[in-house]
Amino acid sequence: MISRWETLETTVVADLKIFTAKSVQRKHPKRDAVGTFYVLDSAAWVNIIPLTPDNQVVMIRQYRHGTDSVTLEVPGGLVERGEDPGEAGMRECREETGYAAPEPAILLGVNDPNPAFMNNECHSYLWRNCTLQHAQAFDEFEDIEVELVPLAHIPQHIADGTIKHSLTLTAFFFYTLKFGGFA
């Protein structure tokens, strides 16, 4: 049976704004071997699939520093301390796209983005009947372009690599589990 390892010591290595890098010394539960591992400590993440009344997905294009590219993805971001993840998803959608809906978002699923070295979760939501209601409200370094994509086109955009952001892919995976497809 696989057991949790004993944590002997945790040291903050660097505060990187959206992550805190930690050095964690842990002891193997069966062999008494001790190793040092690195963990990125982060708040929870959220992403949201905003869907218009005519089945258009409100998506965003933005520059991503990690890949030095412009991506097509659903709105999302960090869940603030004490904030409900669903509320955070709706807030991110309003800020990034200006779209909103009167009803609350529906939780599609929760995943661990990369449990090998990250300790956070990502919550994926669907928000139906979204309409343009506000001006976009960017963070200082955001530059976002809204793109409406027919829901039925999502599988092709995934297949051809137009959509390849892993958290967006996960949100659409949860969507298909809940609703059976993109029709």
Protein backbone atom coordinates (compact mmCIF):
# COMPACT_ATOMS: atom_id res chain seq x y z
CA MET A 1 0.00 0.00 0.00
CA ILE A 2 1.29 3.47 -0.90
CA SER A 3 1.60 5.77 2.11
CA ARG A 4 2.14 9.48 2.57
CA TRP A 5 5.70 10.55 3.23
CA GLU A 6 6.65 12.23 6.50
CA THR A 7 7.45 15.93 6.12
CA LEU A 8 10.56 16.78 8.11
CA GLU A 9 11.13 20.40 7.10
CA THR A 10 9.67 23.03 4.78
CA THR A 11 11.58 26.12 3.71
CA VAL A 12 10.34 28.98 1.51
CA VAL A 13 12.84 29.38 -1.33
CA ALA A 14 11.21 32.24 -3.25
CA ASP A 15 8.02 34.28 -3.37
CA LEU A 16 7.16 34.44 -7.07
CA LYS A 17 3.91 36.46 -6.87
CA ILE A 18 1.52 33.76 -8.11
CA PHE A 19 3.52 30.93 -6.48
CA THR A 20 5.66 30.42 -3.45
CA ALA A 21 8.48 27.98 -4.18
CA LYS A 22 9.18 25.70 -1.22
CA SER A 23 11.90 23.19 -0.49
CA VAL A 24 10.35 20.23 1.34
CA GLN A 25 12.41 17.56 3.05
CA ARG A 26 10.49 14.28 3.27
CA LYS A 27 11.20 10.79 4.55
CA HIS A 28 10.20 7.73 2.50
CA PRO A 29 7.68 5.69 4.54
CA LYS A 30 9.28 2.27 3.87
CA ARG A 31 12.97 2.82 3.17
CA ASP A 32 13.77 5.66 5.60
CA ALA A 33 15.40 7.51 2.70
CA VAL A 34 15.23 11.31 3.07
CA GLY A 35 14.99 13.56 0.03
CA THR A 36 14.51 17.20 -0.80
CA PHE A 37 11.63 18.05 -3.14
CA TYR A 38 10.35 21.33 -4.53
CA VAL A 39 6.72 22.36 -4.36
CA LEU A 40 5.00 25.35 -5.92
CA ASP A 41 2.45 26.60 -3.40
CA SER A 42 -0.41 28.49 -5.02
CA ALA A 43 -3.95 29.60 -4.38
CA ALA A 44 -6.65 27.64 -6.16
CA TRP A 45 -7.27 28.42 -9.82
CA VAL A 46 -10.58 28.71 -11.60
CA ASN A 47 -11.70 28.66 -15.19
CA ILE A 48 -15.14 29.13 -16.62
CA ILE A 49 -16.89 28.28 -19.87
CA PRO A 50 -19.21 31.24 -20.54
CA LEU A 51 -21.96 30.19 -22.93
CA THR A 52 -24.24 32.67 -24.71
CA PRO A 53 -27.97 31.97 -25.24
CA ASP A 54 -27.18 30.95 -28.85
CA ASN A 55 -24.44 28.44 -27.80
CA GLN A 56 -21.39 30.58 -28.47
CA VAL A 57 -18.46 30.05 -26.09
CA VAL A 58 -17.04 33.37 -24.90
CA MET A 59 -13.32 32.73 -25.27
CA ILE A 60 -10.28 34.94 -24.92
CA ARG A 61 -7.05 35.40 -26.79
CA GLN A 62 -4.11 36.61 -24.76
CA TYR A 63 -0.32 36.55 -24.75
CA ARG A 64 1.24 33.92 -22.47
CA HIS A 65 4.81 34.42 -21.28
CA GLY A 66 5.50 30.73 -20.60
CA THR A 67 5.05 29.72 -24.25
CA ASP A 68 5.77 33.18 -25.73
CA SER A 69 2.57 32.83 -27.73
CA VAL A 70 -1.01 34.03 -28.04
CA THR A 71 -3.49 31.41 -26.82
CA LEU A 72 -7.20 30.78 -27.23
CA GLU A 73 -8.70 29.80 -23.89
CA VAL A 74 -11.62 30.29 -21.54
CA PRO A 75 -11.51 33.04 -18.88
CA GLY A 76 -9.93 32.17 -15.57
CA GLY A 77 -7.49 33.10 -12.87
CA LEU A 78 -6.66 32.89 -9.19
CA VAL A 79 -9.24 32.39 -6.48
CA GLU A 80 -8.66 35.15 -3.92
CA ARG A 81 -8.25 34.24 -0.26
CA GLY A 82 -11.70 33.52 1.21
CA GLU A 83 -13.42 33.77 -2.18
CA ASP A 84 -15.81 31.07 -3.38
CA PRO A 85 -14.35 29.46 -6.56
CA GLY A 86 -17.65 29.88 -8.44
CA GLU A 87 -17.77 33.57 -7.55
CA ALA A 88 -14.12 33.87 -8.61
CA GLY A 89 -14.91 32.32 -12.00
CA MET A 90 -17.80 34.69 -12.60
CA ARG A 91 -15.64 37.65 -11.50
CA GLU A 92 -12.84 36.62 -13.86
CA CYS A 93 -15.32 36.27 -16.72
CA ARG A 94 -16.79 39.74 -16.10
CA GLU A 95 -13.34 41.33 -15.83
CA GLU A 96 -11.77 39.60 -18.82
CA THR A 97 -14.73 39.59 -21.22
CA GLY A 98 -17.50 41.87 -19.95
CA TYR A 99 -19.93 38.94 -20.24
CA ALA A 100 -22.17 37.86 -17.36
CA ALA A 101 -25.43 36.03 -16.66
CA PRO A 102 -28.14 36.32 -14.01
CA GLU A 103 -27.87 32.72 -12.78
CA PRO A 104 -24.88 31.25 -10.93
CA ALA A 105 -22.20 29.18 -12.60
CA ILE A 106 -22.39 25.38 -12.50
CA LEU A 107 -19.41 23.41 -11.18
CA LEU A 108 -18.17 20.97 -13.82
CA GLY A 109 -15.24 19.48 -11.90
CA VAL A 110 -12.07 20.01 -9.90
CA ASN A 111 -8.59 18.80 -10.85
CA ASP A 112 -5.01 18.92 -9.59
CA PRO A 113 -3.08 20.79 -12.33
CA ASN A 114 0.22 18.99 -11.67
CA PRO A 115 0.45 17.11 -8.35
CA ALA A 116 4.09 16.20 -9.00
CA PHE A 117 5.21 19.64 -7.85
CA MET A 118 2.13 21.85 -7.35
CA ASN A 119 -0.29 21.79 -4.41
CA ASN A 120 -3.31 23.66 -5.78
CA GLU A 121 -6.59 22.76 -7.43
CA CYS A 122 -8.34 24.13 -10.49
CA HIS A 123 -12.13 24.48 -10.42
CA SER A 124 -13.95 24.42 -13.77
CA TYR A 125 -17.40 25.98 -14.25
CA LEU A 126 -20.05 26.50 -16.89
CA TRP A 127 -21.96 29.81 -16.94
CA ARG A 128 -25.02 29.72 -19.18
CA ASN A 129 -26.91 32.58 -20.87
CA CYS A 130 -24.03 35.04 -20.75
CA THR A 131 -24.47 38.35 -22.54
CA LEU A 132 -22.20 41.35 -22.92
CA GLN A 133 -23.01 43.57 -19.93
CA HIS A 134 -19.84 45.42 -18.96
CA ALA A 135 -16.63 46.87 -20.32
CA GLN A 136 -13.56 44.70 -19.84
CA ALA A 137 -11.52 45.51 -16.72
CA PHE A 138 -7.96 44.34 -17.22
CA ASP A 139 -5.22 43.84 -14.68
CA GLU A 140 -2.16 46.01 -15.31
CA PHE A 141 -0.42 43.50 -17.58
CA GLU A 142 -3.45 41.96 -19.31
CA ASP A 143 -4.41 42.54 -22.92
CA ILE A 144 -7.34 40.33 -23.86
CA GLU A 145 -9.37 39.99 -27.03
CA VAL A 146 -12.79 38.32 -26.79
CA GLU A 147 -13.70 35.74 -29.42
CA LEU A 148 -17.08 34.03 -29.71
CA VAL A 149 -16.68 30.40 -30.81
CA PRO A 150 -19.66 28.19 -31.67
CA LEU A 151 -19.84 25.38 -29.11
CA ALA A 152 -20.05 22.85 -31.96
CA HIS A 153 -16.61 24.04 -33.23
CA ILE A 154 -14.78 23.32 -29.96
CA PRO A 155 -13.84 19.68 -30.82
CA GLN A 156 -12.24 20.76 -34.11
CA HIS A 157 -10.31 23.58 -32.40
CA ILE A 158 -9.01 21.04 -29.88
CA ALA A 159 -8.14 18.49 -32.58
CA ASP A 160 -6.25 21.00 -34.74
CA GLY A 161 -4.33 22.53 -31.81
CA THR A 162 -6.05 25.92 -31.87
CA ILE A 163 -7.08 25.23 -28.26
CA LYS A 164 -4.26 23.58 -26.32
CA HIS A 165 -4.18 25.29 -22.91
CA SER A 166 -4.36 22.31 -20.54
CA LEU A 167 -6.78 23.90 -18.08
CA THR A 168 -9.14 24.90 -20.89
CA LEU A 169 -8.94 21.35 -22.25
CA THR A 170 -9.77 20.02 -18.79
CA ALA A 171 -12.80 22.32 -18.51
CA PHE A 172 -14.09 21.07 -21.87
CA PHE A 173 -13.40 17.47 -20.80
CA PHE A 174 -15.53 18.00 -17.68
CA TYR A 175 -18.18 19.62 -19.89
CA THR A 176 -18.39 16.51 -22.10
CA LEU A 177 -18.59 14.23 -19.05
CA LYS A 178 -21.53 16.23 -17.71
CA PHE A 179 -23.39 16.92 -20.96
CA GLY A 180 -22.21 14.16 -23.33
CA GLY A 181 -20.78 16.35 -26.07
CA PHE A 182 -20.82 19.73 -27.76
CA ALA A 183 -24.14 19.62 -29.64
